Amino acid sequence: MNIEILGTGCAKCVKTKEAVEKALQEVGMEEDVVKVEDYETILSYISLIQSILN
């Protein structure tokens, strides 16, 4: 499984990535956690989510 954290590099995004990694470690899972900071990629996810929800 690939887990992507979307954000532009703010402190909340960094903490979120750390919390996800810690939670995975606590339950014994080794998954890829990737920080996505590219603005266009983030926007493409937002567009995708909006189309799913509508």
N, C-alpha and C. Protein backbone atom coordinates (compact mmCIF):
# COMPACT_ATOMS: atom_id res chain seq x y z
N MET A 1 0.85 -1.17 0.00
CA MET A 1 0.00 0.00 0.00
C MET A 1 0.89 1.23 0.00
N ASN A 2 0.46 2.23 -0.72
CA ASN A 2 1.18 3.50 -0.78
C ASN A 2 0.30 4.58 -0.16
N ILE A 3 0.78 5.23 0.87
CA ILE A 3 0.03 6.28 1.56
C ILE A 3 0.67 7.61 1.20
N GLU A 4 -0.16 8.52 0.69
CA GLU A 4 0.34 9.83 0.29
C GLU A 4 -0.25 10.92 1.18
N ILE A 5 0.63 11.74 1.73
CA ILE A 5 0.23 12.88 2.54
C ILE A 5 0.32 14.11 1.65
N LEU A 6 -0.80 14.78 1.44
CA LEU A 6 -0.83 15.95 0.57
C LEU A 6 -0.61 17.21 1.39
N GLY A 7 0.31 18.05 0.96
CA GLY A 7 0.56 19.31 1.65
C GLY A 7 1.76 20.01 1.07
N THR A 8 1.83 21.29 1.34
CA THR A 8 2.89 22.11 0.76
C THR A 8 4.12 22.24 1.65
N GLY A 9 4.16 21.48 2.73
CA GLY A 9 5.34 21.51 3.58
C GLY A 9 5.17 22.23 4.90
N CYS A 10 3.93 22.53 5.26
CA CYS A 10 3.69 23.22 6.53
C CYS A 10 3.91 22.27 7.70
N ALA A 11 3.94 22.82 8.89
CA ALA A 11 4.18 22.02 10.09
C ALA A 11 3.11 20.95 10.29
N LYS A 12 1.86 21.26 9.97
CA LYS A 12 0.78 20.28 10.12
C LYS A 12 0.99 19.08 9.20
N CYS A 13 1.45 19.34 7.99
CA CYS A 13 1.69 18.24 7.05
C CYS A 13 2.82 17.34 7.55
N VAL A 14 3.86 17.95 8.06
CA VAL A 14 4.99 17.19 8.59
C VAL A 14 4.54 16.34 9.77
N LYS A 15 3.75 16.93 10.68
CA LYS A 15 3.24 16.19 11.84
C LYS A 15 2.32 15.05 11.41
N THR A 16 1.52 15.30 10.39
CA THR A 16 0.61 14.26 9.90
C THR A 16 1.40 13.07 9.38
N LYS A 17 2.43 13.34 8.60
CA LYS A 17 3.27 12.26 8.06
C LYS A 17 3.91 11.47 9.20
N GLU A 18 4.43 12.18 10.19
CA GLU A 18 5.06 11.52 11.34
C GLU A 18 4.05 10.67 12.11
N ALA A 19 2.83 11.19 12.28
CA ALA A 19 1.80 10.46 13.01
C ALA A 19 1.38 9.19 12.27
N VAL A 20 1.27 9.29 10.96
CA VAL A 20 0.91 8.12 10.16
C VAL A 20 2.01 7.06 10.25
N GLU A 21 3.26 7.48 10.14
CA GLU A 21 4.38 6.55 10.24
C GLU A 21 4.41 5.88 11.61
N LYS A 22 4.16 6.65 12.66
CA LYS A 22 4.16 6.11 14.02
C LYS A 22 3.03 5.10 14.20
N ALA A 23 1.83 5.44 13.70
CA ALA A 23 0.69 4.54 13.81
C ALA A 23 0.94 3.23 13.08
N LEU A 24 1.52 3.32 11.90
CA LEU A 24 1.84 2.11 11.14
C LEU A 24 2.84 1.24 11.90
N GLN A 25 3.83 1.88 12.48
CA GLN A 25 4.85 1.16 13.23
C GLN A 25 4.23 0.47 14.45
N GLU A 26 3.31 1.14 15.12
CA GLU A 26 2.68 0.59 16.32
C GLU A 26 1.86 -0.66 16.03
N VAL A 27 1.28 -0.73 14.82
CA VAL A 27 0.49 -1.91 14.47
C VAL A 27 1.29 -2.92 13.66
N GLY A 28 2.57 -2.64 13.49
CA GLY A 28 3.46 -3.58 12.82
C GLY A 28 3.37 -3.61 11.31
N MET A 29 2.92 -2.52 10.72
CA MET A 29 2.82 -2.44 9.26
C MET A 29 3.98 -1.61 8.71
N GLU A 30 4.52 -2.08 7.61
CA GLU A 30 5.58 -1.34 6.92
C GLU A 30 5.07 -0.93 5.55
N GLU A 31 4.53 0.26 5.48
CA GLU A 31 3.98 0.78 4.23
C GLU A 31 4.76 2.01 3.80
N ASP A 32 4.70 2.31 2.51
CA ASP A 32 5.36 3.51 1.99
C ASP A 32 4.50 4.73 2.32
N VAL A 33 5.10 5.71 2.99
CA VAL A 33 4.43 6.97 3.28
C VAL A 33 5.19 8.06 2.53
N VAL A 34 4.49 8.69 1.59
CA VAL A 34 5.12 9.67 0.71
C VAL A 34 4.48 11.03 0.92
N LYS A 35 5.29 12.06 1.00
CA LYS A 35 4.80 13.43 1.13
C LYS A 35 4.70 14.03 -0.26
N VAL A 36 3.49 14.41 -0.68
CA VAL A 36 3.26 15.01 -1.99
C VAL A 36 3.18 16.52 -1.79
N GLU A 37 4.14 17.24 -2.35
CA GLU A 37 4.19 18.69 -2.19
C GLU A 37 3.96 19.45 -3.49
N ASP A 38 3.90 18.74 -4.61
CA ASP A 38 3.70 19.38 -5.90
C ASP A 38 2.27 19.91 -6.00
N TYR A 39 2.14 21.20 -6.17
CA TYR A 39 0.84 21.87 -6.15
C TYR A 39 -0.11 21.31 -7.20
N GLU A 40 0.37 21.06 -8.41
CA GLU A 40 -0.49 20.54 -9.48
C GLU A 40 -0.99 19.13 -9.15
N THR A 41 -0.15 18.33 -8.55
CA THR A 41 -0.56 16.98 -8.16
C THR A 41 -1.63 17.05 -7.08
N ILE A 42 -1.44 17.93 -6.11
CA ILE A 42 -2.43 18.11 -5.05
C ILE A 42 -3.76 18.55 -5.65
N LEU A 43 -3.73 19.49 -6.57
CA LEU A 43 -4.96 19.96 -7.21
C LEU A 43 -5.65 18.84 -7.98
N SER A 44 -4.88 17.96 -8.59
CA SER A 44 -5.49 16.86 -9.34
C SER A 44 -6.24 15.91 -8.39
N TYR A 45 -5.70 15.71 -7.19
CA TYR A 45 -6.39 14.89 -6.20
C TYR A 45 -7.68 15.57 -5.75
N ILE A 46 -7.64 16.86 -5.53
CA ILE A 46 -8.82 17.60 -5.10
C ILE A 46 -9.91 17.51 -6.17
N SER A 47 -9.54 17.66 -7.42
CA SER A 47 -10.50 17.56 -8.51
C SER A 47 -11.11 16.17 -8.58
N LEU A 48 -10.29 15.14 -8.37
CA LEU A 48 -10.77 13.77 -8.38
C LEU A 48 -11.75 13.54 -7.25
N ILE A 49 -11.42 13.99 -6.07
CA ILE A 49 -12.30 13.80 -4.90
C ILE A 49 -13.63 14.51 -5.10
N GLN A 50 -13.59 15.73 -5.64
CA GLN A 50 -14.82 16.48 -5.87
C GLN A 50 -15.73 15.76 -6.87
N SER A 51 -15.13 15.17 -7.89
CA SER A 51 -15.95 14.47 -8.88
C SER A 51 -16.56 13.20 -8.31
N ILE A 52 -15.87 12.56 -7.36
CA ILE A 52 -16.41 11.36 -6.72
C ILE A 52 -17.57 11.73 -5.80
N LEU A 53 -17.45 12.83 -5.08
CA LEU A 53 -18.45 13.22 -4.10
C LEU A 53 -19.71 13.79 -4.73
N ASN A 54 -19.60 14.29 -5.96
CA ASN A 54 -20.78 14.90 -6.62
C ASN A 54 -21.59 13.88 -7.36
